[in-house]
Protein backbone atom coordinates (compact mmCIF):
# COMPACT_ATOMS: atom_id res chain seq x y z
CA MET A 1 160.59 79.10 33.61
CA LYS A 2 162.11 75.66 34.21
CA ALA A 3 160.29 72.42 34.76
CA GLN A 4 161.96 70.25 37.41
CA PHE A 5 160.99 66.65 36.84
CA ALA A 6 161.28 65.12 40.32
CA THR A 7 161.91 61.54 41.35
CA LEU A 8 158.21 61.00 42.08
CA ASP A 9 157.41 62.09 38.51
CA TRP A 10 159.84 59.58 37.12
CA VAL A 11 158.24 56.87 39.25
CA VAL A 12 154.83 57.66 37.72
CA VAL A 13 156.36 57.57 34.26
CA ALA A 14 158.06 54.27 34.99
CA ALA A 15 154.73 52.83 36.12
CA TYR A 16 153.17 53.96 32.82
CA VAL A 17 155.95 52.32 30.82
CA GLY A 18 155.40 49.18 32.85
CA VAL A 19 151.71 49.21 31.92
CA LEU A 20 152.70 49.56 28.26
CA ILE A 21 155.10 46.64 28.44
CA LEU A 22 152.62 44.37 30.26
CA GLY A 23 149.90 45.34 27.87
CA GLY A 24 152.08 44.69 24.87
CA TRP A 25 153.05 41.28 26.26
CA ALA A 26 149.43 40.39 27.01
CA PHE A 27 148.26 41.21 23.52
CA SER A 28 151.21 39.51 21.89
CA ARG A 29 149.96 36.18 23.32
CA ARG A 30 146.93 36.25 20.99
CA LYS A 31 148.12 36.68 17.45
CA SER A 32 145.80 37.57 14.61
CA GLY A 33 145.60 34.81 12.06
CA ASP A 34 143.70 36.57 9.25
CA ALA A 35 143.21 40.03 7.87
CA ASP A 36 139.63 40.28 9.13
CA ASP A 37 140.74 39.66 12.68
CA TYR A 38 143.76 42.00 12.37
CA PHE A 39 141.90 44.96 10.84
CA LEU A 40 138.31 44.41 12.13
CA ALA A 41 138.76 42.21 15.23
CA SER A 42 136.54 39.51 13.63
CA HIS A 43 133.55 41.85 13.99
CA SER A 44 133.35 41.16 17.71
CA VAL A 45 133.58 44.65 19.20
CA PRO A 46 130.73 45.62 21.62
CA ALA A 47 129.18 49.09 21.34
CA TRP A 48 130.67 50.38 24.60
CA LEU A 49 134.25 49.48 23.62
CA ALA A 50 133.77 50.93 20.11
CA ALA A 51 132.53 54.14 21.74
CA ILE A 52 135.58 54.44 23.99
CA SER A 53 137.92 53.61 21.10
CA VAL A 54 136.32 56.27 18.92
CA LEU A 55 136.76 58.77 21.74
CA SER A 56 140.42 57.79 22.14
CA ALA A 57 140.94 58.10 18.42
CA THR A 58 139.48 61.63 18.27
CA GLN A 59 140.70 62.99 21.67
CA SER A 60 144.35 63.82 20.91
CA ALA A 61 147.03 65.88 22.63
CA ALA A 62 145.52 68.78 20.69
CA THR A 63 142.34 68.30 22.77
CA PHE A 64 144.32 67.84 25.99
CA LEU A 65 146.23 71.09 25.54
CA GLY A 66 144.03 72.99 23.11
CA GLY A 67 140.69 72.56 24.95
CA PRO A 68 141.93 74.38 28.09
CA ASP A 69 143.63 77.00 25.94
CA TYR A 70 140.39 77.79 24.12
CA GLY A 71 138.44 77.94 27.39
CA TYR A 72 141.03 80.34 28.81
CA ARG A 73 140.96 82.67 25.80
CA SER A 74 137.29 82.44 24.96
CA ASP A 75 134.24 80.66 26.43
CA TYR A 76 132.26 77.39 26.32
CA THR A 77 131.18 77.73 22.65
CA TYR A 78 133.55 74.95 21.62
CA LEU A 79 131.49 72.69 23.97
CA GLY A 80 128.35 74.01 22.27
CA GLY A 81 129.79 72.80 19.06
CA VAL A 82 129.53 69.23 20.28
CA LEU A 83 125.85 69.41 19.29
CA SER A 84 127.08 69.05 15.71
CA SER A 85 128.77 65.74 16.58
CA VAL A 86 125.54 64.38 18.03
CA LEU A 87 123.62 65.39 14.88
CA ALA A 88 126.32 63.95 12.70
CA ALA A 89 126.24 60.65 14.63
CA VAL A 90 122.53 60.31 13.87
CA PHE A 91 123.13 60.94 10.16
CA VAL A 92 126.10 58.56 9.91
CA ALA A 93 124.36 55.82 11.91
CA ARG A 94 121.23 55.92 9.78
CA VAL A 95 122.59 56.68 6.32
CA LEU A 96 126.23 55.56 5.96
CA ILE A 97 126.85 52.69 8.38
CA PRO A 98 124.04 50.47 6.97
CA ARG A 99 125.45 50.92 3.47
CA PHE A 100 128.95 50.01 4.55
CA TYR A 101 127.79 46.89 6.31
CA ALA A 102 125.61 45.87 3.35
CA ALA A 103 128.63 46.21 1.07
CA ARG A 104 130.75 44.11 3.51
CA VAL A 105 133.69 46.49 3.28
CA THR A 106 136.90 46.45 5.33
CA THR A 107 137.51 50.19 4.64
CA VAL A 108 134.89 52.83 3.91
CA TYR A 109 136.65 53.56 0.63
CA GLU A 110 135.79 50.10 -0.74
CA TYR A 111 132.24 51.44 -1.05
CA LEU A 112 133.45 53.54 -3.96
CA GLU A 113 134.67 50.37 -5.72
CA HIS A 114 131.06 49.12 -5.69
CA ARG A 115 129.73 52.49 -6.79
CA TYR A 116 132.39 53.34 -9.42
CA ASP A 117 135.51 51.22 -9.70
CA ARG A 118 138.79 50.35 -8.05
CA ARG A 119 140.57 53.50 -9.13
CA ALA A 120 137.95 55.67 -7.32
CA MET A 121 138.51 53.61 -4.18
CA ARG A 122 142.27 54.06 -4.34
CA TRP A 123 142.11 57.76 -4.93
CA ALA A 124 139.82 58.18 -1.92
CA GLY A 125 142.02 55.98 0.22
CA GLY A 126 145.06 57.91 -0.96
CA MET A 127 143.48 61.25 0.01
CA PHE A 128 142.75 59.85 3.46
CA LEU A 129 146.37 58.65 3.87
CA VAL A 130 147.83 62.00 2.85
CA GLY A 131 145.53 63.95 5.14
CA ARG A 132 145.99 61.59 8.05
CA VAL A 133 149.80 61.60 7.81
CA LEU A 134 149.79 65.40 7.88
CA ALA A 135 147.32 65.65 10.79
CA MET A 136 148.87 62.87 12.88
CA GLY A 137 152.39 64.11 12.32
CA ALA A 138 151.32 67.50 13.63
CA ARG A 139 149.57 65.92 16.61
CA VAL A 140 152.63 63.79 17.50
CA TYR A 141 154.80 66.94 17.31
CA LEU A 142 152.36 68.88 19.55
CA ALA A 143 152.55 66.08 22.18
CA ALA A 144 156.34 65.93 21.74
CA ILE A 145 156.64 69.64 22.59
CA ALA A 146 154.82 69.15 25.89
CA ILE A 147 156.70 65.99 26.78
CA ALA A 148 160.11 67.51 25.92
CA MET A 149 159.38 70.68 27.92
CA VAL A 150 158.26 68.83 31.02
CA MET A 151 160.65 65.87 31.01
CA PHE A 152 163.81 67.34 29.41
CA SER A 153 163.40 71.08 30.17
CA SER A 154 164.31 71.65 26.55
CA VAL A 155 162.64 72.15 23.16
CA ASP A 156 165.65 71.68 20.93
CA ALA A 157 165.59 69.34 17.95
CA THR A 158 167.09 66.38 19.90
CA SER A 159 164.51 66.59 22.68
CA ILE A 160 161.58 66.93 20.28
CA ILE A 161 162.78 63.99 18.15
CA LEU A 162 163.29 61.79 21.24
CA ALA A 163 159.86 62.67 22.56
CA ALA A 164 158.22 62.05 19.18
CA ALA A 165 160.03 58.71 18.88
CA ALA A 166 158.81 57.71 22.37
CA VAL A 167 155.21 58.35 21.34
CA MET A 168 155.62 56.26 18.16
CA VAL A 169 157.36 53.39 19.94
CA ALA A 170 154.68 53.28 22.67
CA ALA A 171 152.01 53.10 19.94
CA PHE A 172 153.82 50.24 18.22
CA LEU A 173 154.09 48.28 21.46
CA PHE A 174 150.32 47.76 21.47
CA THR A 175 149.51 47.64 17.76
CA PHE A 176 152.09 45.57 15.94
CA VAL A 177 151.13 42.04 16.94
CA GLY A 178 147.45 42.21 17.97
CA GLY A 179 146.04 44.55 15.29
CA LEU A 180 142.78 46.32 15.93
CA ARG A 181 141.85 44.17 18.92
CA ALA A 182 145.02 45.29 20.68
CA VAL A 183 144.33 48.94 19.67
CA LEU A 184 140.83 48.76 21.16
CA TRP A 185 141.96 47.54 24.57
CA ASN A 186 144.93 49.90 24.51
CA ASP A 187 142.50 52.73 23.82
CA LEU A 188 140.62 51.80 26.97
CA ILE A 189 143.78 51.91 29.06
CA GLN A 190 145.01 55.21 27.58
CA PHE A 191 141.52 56.71 27.88
CA ALA A 192 141.42 55.95 31.60
CA ILE A 193 144.89 57.47 32.07
CA TYR A 194 144.35 60.77 30.34
CA ILE A 195 140.84 61.26 31.77
CA GLY A 196 142.22 60.43 35.23
CA ALA A 197 144.98 63.01 34.72
CA ALA A 198 142.47 65.67 33.65
CA VAL A 199 140.22 64.98 36.64
CA ALA A 200 143.20 65.31 38.98
CA VAL A 201 144.13 68.68 37.47
CA VAL A 202 140.51 69.98 37.76
CA ILE A 203 140.47 69.03 41.48
CA PHE A 204 143.90 70.52 42.19
CA LEU A 205 143.15 73.74 40.26
CA ARG A 206 139.77 74.19 41.95
CA MET A 207 141.38 73.80 45.38
CA SER A 208 143.87 76.51 44.43
CA ILE A 209 141.08 79.08 43.98
CA PRO A 210 139.97 80.65 47.31
CA ALA A 211 136.42 81.31 46.28
CA SER A 212 133.04 79.59 46.43
CA ASN A 213 131.50 78.00 43.35
CA GLY A 214 128.90 80.79 43.24
CA GLU A 215 131.61 83.47 43.33
CA ILE A 216 133.50 81.73 40.49
CA VAL A 217 130.36 81.44 38.34
CA GLU A 218 129.54 85.10 38.93
CA ALA A 219 133.11 86.14 38.00
CA LEU A 220 132.99 84.09 34.82
CA ARG A 221 129.60 85.48 33.86
CA ASN A 222 130.93 89.03 34.30
CA SER A 223 134.46 88.93 32.95
CA PRO A 224 136.39 92.15 32.03
CA GLY A 225 134.99 93.82 28.93
CA GLY A 226 131.51 92.49 29.52
CA VAL A 227 132.49 89.00 28.30
CA ASN A 228 130.41 86.06 29.48
CA LYS A 229 132.85 83.12 29.61
CA LEU A 230 129.97 80.77 30.37
CA LEU A 231 128.48 81.40 26.89
CA LEU A 232 127.50 78.06 25.34
CA PHE A 233 125.84 78.94 22.05
CA ASP A 234 127.03 81.97 20.04
CA THR A 235 124.31 83.38 17.74
CA SER A 236 126.81 85.61 15.90
CA THR A 237 126.97 85.48 12.11
CA ASP A 238 130.68 86.54 12.16
CA LEU A 239 132.29 84.27 9.50
CA ALA A 240 135.63 84.43 11.34
CA LYS A 241 134.22 82.62 14.38
CA PRO A 242 134.53 78.81 14.16
CA PHE A 243 132.04 77.82 16.89
CA THR A 244 128.60 79.45 16.44
CA LEU A 245 125.10 78.14 15.99
CA LEU A 246 125.48 78.68 12.26
CA THR A 247 128.65 76.57 12.04
CA ILE A 248 127.07 73.86 14.17
CA PHE A 249 124.48 73.23 11.47
CA THR A 250 126.90 73.76 8.52
CA GLY A 251 130.68 73.28 8.58
CA LEU A 252 131.01 71.58 11.96
CA PHE A 253 128.20 69.17 11.01
CA LEU A 254 130.09 68.30 7.80
CA LEU A 255 133.36 68.01 9.68
CA ASN A 256 131.85 65.47 12.15
CA VAL A 257 130.07 63.52 9.40
CA ALA A 258 133.42 63.18 7.64
CA ASN A 259 135.18 62.23 10.85
CA ALA A 260 132.59 59.64 11.97
CA GLY A 261 131.60 58.22 8.61
CA LEU A 262 134.33 58.84 6.04
CA ASP A 263 137.53 58.69 8.07
CA GLN A 264 138.80 55.12 8.32
CA ASP A 265 140.57 56.04 11.59
CA THR A 266 137.15 56.39 13.26
CA THR A 267 134.90 54.26 11.05
CA GLN A 268 137.09 51.18 11.42
CA ARG A 269 135.88 50.79 15.00
CA LEU A 270 132.25 50.94 13.90
CA LEU A 271 132.83 48.40 11.13
CA ALA A 272 134.39 46.06 13.68
CA SER A 273 131.07 45.63 15.50
CA PRO A 274 128.92 42.49 14.96
CA ASP A 275 126.32 44.42 12.88
CA ALA A 276 125.27 47.87 11.78
CA LYS A 277 123.00 48.44 14.81
CA THR A 278 125.80 47.75 17.24
CA GLY A 279 128.18 50.04 15.35
CA ALA A 280 125.51 52.74 15.36
CA ARG A 281 125.07 52.43 19.12
CA GLY A 282 128.81 52.76 19.58
CA LEU A 283 128.71 55.98 17.59
CA TYR A 284 125.83 57.36 19.58
CA LEU A 285 127.60 56.54 22.84
CA SER A 286 130.85 58.16 21.74
CA ALA A 287 129.08 61.40 20.76
CA LEU A 288 127.26 61.59 24.12
CA MET A 289 130.36 60.62 26.15
CA SER A 290 132.38 63.40 24.48
CA ILE A 291 130.16 66.06 26.07
CA PRO A 292 131.35 65.72 29.75
CA ILE A 293 134.91 65.10 28.57
CA ILE A 294 135.15 68.27 26.49
CA ALA A 295 133.29 70.14 29.27
CA MET A 296 136.04 69.09 31.72
CA PHE A 297 138.85 70.38 29.48
CA MET A 298 136.95 73.66 28.90
CA THR A 299 136.46 73.99 32.66
CA ILE A 300 140.15 73.71 33.19
CA GLY A 301 140.58 76.65 30.78
CA VAL A 302 138.01 78.95 32.48
CA LEU A 303 139.45 78.13 35.89
CA LEU A 304 142.89 79.06 34.56
CA HIS A 305 141.32 82.40 33.56
CA ILE A 306 140.30 82.87 37.23
CA PHE A 307 143.73 81.77 38.44
CA TYR A 308 145.79 84.05 36.18
CA ASP A 309 143.53 86.95 35.17
CA ARG A 310 141.20 87.60 38.11
CA PRO A 311 143.30 88.80 41.04
CA GLU A 312 140.16 90.19 42.74
CA VAL A 313 138.92 86.59 43.05
CA MET A 314 142.29 84.96 43.81
CA GLY A 315 143.37 87.65 46.26
CA THR A 316 146.76 87.64 44.62
CA ALA A 317 148.25 88.14 41.13
CA ASN A 318 149.67 85.13 39.26
CA ALA A 319 151.78 85.87 36.22
CA ALA A 320 151.63 83.64 33.10
CA ALA A 321 154.51 83.45 30.64
CA ALA A 322 153.85 82.84 26.93
CA THR A 323 157.14 81.24 26.06
CA PHE A 324 159.48 78.52 27.22
CA SER A 325 163.05 78.50 25.91
CA GLY A 326 161.80 80.55 22.98
CA GLU A 327 158.86 78.17 22.23
CA LYS A 328 155.26 79.44 22.44
CA VAL A 329 153.25 77.57 25.05
CA THR A 330 149.56 77.31 25.85
CA ILE A 331 148.35 78.54 29.24
CA PHE A 332 147.68 74.97 30.37
CA LEU A 333 151.24 73.89 29.55
CA HIS A 334 152.52 76.94 31.44
CA TYR A 335 150.46 75.89 34.46
CA ILE A 336 151.80 72.33 34.25
CA LEU A 337 155.36 73.60 34.16
CA THR A 338 155.08 76.06 37.02
CA GLN A 339 152.27 75.18 39.39
CA ILE A 340 151.64 71.44 39.45
CA PRO A 341 153.49 69.53 42.18
CA PRO A 342 155.72 66.46 41.70
CA GLY A 343 153.79 63.25 41.12
CA LEU A 344 150.84 65.08 39.64
CA ARG A 345 153.17 66.62 37.08
CA GLY A 346 154.24 63.11 36.08
CA LEU A 347 150.60 62.00 35.86
CA VAL A 348 149.74 64.95 33.59
CA THR A 349 152.79 64.21 31.44
CA ILE A 350 151.66 60.62 30.86
CA GLY A 351 148.13 61.98 30.32
CA VAL A 352 149.40 64.01 27.37
CA THR A 353 151.40 60.96 26.27
CA ALA A 354 148.40 58.67 26.61
CA ALA A 355 146.24 61.00 24.52
CA ALA A 356 148.95 61.00 21.80
CA VAL A 357 149.54 57.23 21.96
CA ALA A 358 145.85 56.36 21.80
CA THR A 359 145.39 58.60 18.77
CA THR A 360 148.62 57.39 17.09
CA ASN A 361 148.10 53.64 17.41
CA SER A 362 144.55 53.92 16.07
CA ALA A 363 145.82 55.88 13.10
CA LEU A 364 148.57 53.35 12.49
CA ASN A 365 146.13 50.48 12.24
CA ALA A 366 143.56 52.45 10.20
CA MET A 367 146.09 53.72 7.68
CA SER A 368 147.62 50.27 7.41
CA SER A 369 144.17 48.79 6.68
CA VAL A 370 143.64 51.23 3.85
CA LEU A 371 147.16 50.70 2.49
CA ILE A 372 146.78 46.89 2.47
CA SER A 373 143.08 46.43 1.72
CA ASP A 374 142.69 49.15 -0.91
CA PHE A 375 146.12 49.11 -2.54
CA TYR A 376 148.29 46.09 -1.80
CA ARG A 377 145.70 43.31 -1.67
CA PRO A 378 144.09 43.99 -5.07
CA TRP A 379 147.61 44.22 -6.62
CA ARG A 380 148.67 40.97 -4.88
CA GLU A 381 145.56 39.00 -5.86
CA LYS A 382 146.13 39.80 -9.53
CA ARG A 383 149.34 37.81 -9.20
CA GLY A 384 147.78 34.80 -7.47
CA SER A 385 146.15 33.94 -4.20
CA ALA A 386 147.88 34.27 -0.84
CA PRO A 387 147.07 32.89 2.60
CA GLN A 388 145.36 35.20 5.10
CA ILE A 389 148.48 35.34 7.30
CA HIS A 390 150.30 36.97 4.38
CA TYR A 391 147.98 39.99 4.66
CA VAL A 392 148.46 40.12 8.44
CA ARG A 393 152.21 40.35 7.95
CA ALA A 394 151.66 42.90 5.19
CA GLY A 395 149.54 44.93 7.61
CA ARG A 396 152.43 45.00 10.07
CA TRP A 397 154.78 46.20 7.32
CA GLY A 398 152.11 48.73 6.39
CA MET A 399 152.09 50.10 9.91
CA GLY A 400 155.86 50.44 9.72
CA VAL A 401 155.56 52.43 6.49
CA VAL A 402 152.92 54.84 7.70
CA GLY A 403 154.57 55.07 11.15
CA ILE A 404 157.83 56.28 9.52
CA ALA A 405 155.83 58.76 7.44
CA MET A 406 154.08 60.11 10.56
CA PHE A 407 157.36 60.39 12.48
CA ALA A 408 158.95 62.18 9.53
CA MET A 409 156.06 64.64 9.47
CA ALA A 410 156.43 65.24 13.24
CA VAL A 411 160.14 65.98 12.76
CA LEU A 412 159.39 68.17 9.74
CA SER A 413 156.86 70.09 11.80
CA PHE A 414 159.62 71.13 14.21
CA TYR A 415 161.29 73.02 11.36
CA TRP A 416 158.05 73.93 9.58
CA GLN A 417 156.70 75.84 12.56
CA ARG A 418 159.74 78.07 12.59
CA TYR A 419 159.20 79.23 9.01
CA THR A 420 155.47 79.91 9.15
CA ASP A 421 153.14 82.06 11.24
CA THR A 422 150.40 79.38 11.24
CA PRO A 423 149.83 78.08 14.80
CA LEU A 424 150.50 74.35 14.93
CA LEU A 425 147.49 73.79 17.21
CA GLU A 426 145.16 75.31 14.67
CA PHE A 427 146.75 73.25 11.94
CA ALA A 428 146.40 70.05 13.96
CA LEU A 429 142.71 70.64 14.57
CA SER A 430 141.66 71.74 11.07
CA VAL A 431 144.12 70.15 8.61
CA MET A 432 141.81 67.24 7.77
CA SER A 433 139.48 69.80 6.17
CA PHE A 434 141.81 69.56 3.11
CA ALA A 435 140.99 65.82 2.71
CA TYR A 436 137.46 65.94 4.06
CA ALA A 437 136.16 68.43 1.48
CA GLY A 438 136.78 66.08 -1.43
CA LEU A 439 135.64 63.00 0.46
CA LEU A 440 132.39 64.67 1.45
CA GLY A 441 131.74 65.76 -2.11
CA ILE A 442 132.26 62.37 -3.68
CA TYR A 443 130.22 60.51 -1.05
CA ILE A 444 127.34 63.01 -1.44
CA ALA A 445 127.42 62.13 -5.18
CA ALA A 446 127.78 58.40 -4.53
CA VAL A 447 125.07 58.03 -1.86
CA PHE A 448 122.44 60.52 -2.90
CA THR A 449 122.71 60.64 -6.71
CA THR A 450 123.29 58.29 -9.66
CA ARG A 451 125.70 60.71 -11.26
CA GLY A 452 129.45 60.78 -11.36
CA THR A 453 132.30 58.73 -12.81
CA THR A 454 135.71 57.68 -11.70
CA GLY A 455 137.17 60.69 -13.51
CA SER A 456 134.81 63.12 -11.66
CA VAL A 457 135.66 61.44 -8.33
CA ILE A 458 139.35 62.01 -8.89
CA ALA A 459 138.77 65.61 -10.02
CA ALA A 460 136.47 66.23 -7.03
CA LEU A 461 139.09 65.04 -4.52
CA ILE A 462 141.66 67.35 -6.07
CA GLY A 463 139.16 70.18 -6.45
CA GLY A 464 138.08 70.03 -2.82
CA PHE A 465 141.67 70.03 -1.60
CA VAL A 466 142.58 72.99 -3.84
CA ALA A 467 139.44 74.97 -2.85
CA VAL A 468 140.34 74.75 0.85
CA LEU A 469 143.96 75.53 0.10
CA LEU A 470 143.06 78.75 -1.78
CA LEU A 471 141.24 80.03 1.32
CA GLN A 472 144.31 79.76 3.56
CA PRO A 473 145.73 83.21 4.45
CA TRP A 474 149.28 81.94 4.40
CA PHE A 475 148.80 80.50 0.87
CA GLY A 476 147.27 83.81 -0.26
CA ALA A 477 150.33 85.64 1.06
CA ILE A 478 152.62 83.30 -0.91
CA ALA A 479 150.53 83.59 -4.08
CA GLY A 480 150.16 87.39 -3.80
CA TYR A 481 146.44 87.83 -2.97
CA THR A 482 144.52 88.74 0.18
CA VAL A 483 142.24 86.16 1.79
CA PRO A 484 139.52 87.43 4.12
CA LYS A 485 139.51 85.63 7.49
CA LEU A 486 137.13 82.76 7.16
CA ALA A 487 136.78 80.17 9.92
CA PHE A 488 137.68 76.62 8.93
CA PRO A 489 134.02 75.32 9.12
CA TYR A 490 133.12 77.74 6.34
CA GLN A 491 136.24 76.78 4.40
CA LEU A 492 135.06 73.19 4.58
CA CYS A 493 131.60 74.17 3.35
CA PHE A 494 133.10 75.91 0.33
CA GLY A 495 135.45 73.01 -0.41
CA THR A 496 132.62 70.49 -0.12
CA ALA A 497 130.36 72.48 -2.40
CA VAL A 498 133.13 72.69 -5.03
CA ALA A 499 133.89 68.94 -4.75
CA THR A 500 130.19 68.00 -4.98
CA LEU A 501 129.63 70.07 -8.07
CA ILE A 502 132.61 68.49 -9.77
CA ALA A 503 131.60 64.97 -8.71
CA VAL A 504 128.07 65.15 -10.09
CA LEU A 505 128.89 66.94 -13.39
CA PRO A 506 128.99 63.85 -15.66
CA ARG A 507 126.12 61.40 -15.99
CA GLY A 508 126.82 58.26 -13.99
CA VAL A 509 127.19 54.74 -15.33
CA SER A 510 124.62 52.29 -13.94
CA ARG A 511 126.25 49.20 -12.44
CA PRO A 512 125.09 46.53 -9.98
CA THR A 513 126.13 47.17 -6.40
CA ALA A 514 125.91 45.48 -3.05
CA ALA A 515 125.97 48.83 -1.32
CA ALA A 516 122.23 49.36 -0.89
CA PRO A 517 121.23 49.66 2.78
CA PRO A 518 119.28 46.91 4.45
CA ALA A 519 115.66 47.44 5.33
CA GLY A 520 115.08 49.65 8.38
CA PRO A 521 117.30 52.16 10.08
CA ALA A 522 120.46 51.24 12.00
CA GLY A 523 119.38 52.92 15.13
């Protein structure tokens, strides 16, 4: 199986690079003069732009490639899981966002400085940084595999490193000078590109199937083995299944609360709005807009099932390979490599790249804001005041530091995947559970109780991380014990419960805080 990148494909890629260069030049004309503008766009972001930016930050190459793969192997229950994100958006908008605005924070972890002290803030920010570097490095590597396969017909170390470097450089083009404002408008461009690529694939794939819509629906409803691939809500209580009605109201709800309200990569966009109500509207919009987007990627997957596994519908048999040059590939990537014509293949390639770039540049700015606001700025102010432009420059250096760390993780993942049986896609989608468990525990204690101390916050962050780690089958194999298969939403529930118990053990110290919510909901 060899991918032949044609001249027309390179023309499409060149046009994409041209857009990046023009966009970088346009945003470099307006330079951020203070830290508030660089990290929060001077609180001028409208709800619709915040919503699109949140979607771009959360829709990565893992979604672009993993969504169709899940639809091909399973059904629409992943789409049903989006209900949890809608419920989580309501919770975050009414409970967390008003508190963050009342406390006038730049990062969500500054809330813990009001509630406990600066050490608690730094530990929470540090946990976010560790988790985000791991998750984003894995996502960059996942995108690099696809780009290297399609563009270079190779998945050796050199091709992967070059592809990963291309993603990182493209992200820097938009983010370095303009800060969050540049990220927001870049997210809009990248969002349009990768959604456009997905729409083009859906149309091309549908045209390749010689059957009516009714015949396709009937074939999906009655798949081999009595499987209904149109199933939206799974009422099973099987703890090994990640997307069921039970997980929607438990682990997936917690995951989405953490992603929308406790992950600076997402929450930064909401804090950049003029007020809490605007930020809340942006969150509601992003949750609702994710439904048709995820539905589209799932539809690609079920149509691939028809294309490859239902010869009675297709009228012919199409074979699907599972490897490329020794590398495991998803069914969607195989389809891209073997079936998509020149031009469209180039569009899909930049669609994967756009998904990776949009996620990467948002993470760069978010991690830099935590690094500077929660770590460097307090340290610097102890040694005397500094002009605002100093922190803007520090933010750019911060992006360089976290960018190098993310690139190193992407390269490390190339070798890591060859010495472990854990699928990288699964790791990329669920790895933030390690950090989220502790963060959820300490914010439950901070928001809903008067208990806890800085010491219990630190212990809870560590305890949540360790609790999730102990439930990993690969870790059990290393440590010499057997772990029953437990889907990651339940792992997150267990980790959060452990972290919460640790966080609320000691009696809290009463201290004045600006973190009380304003009167009335932020809806």
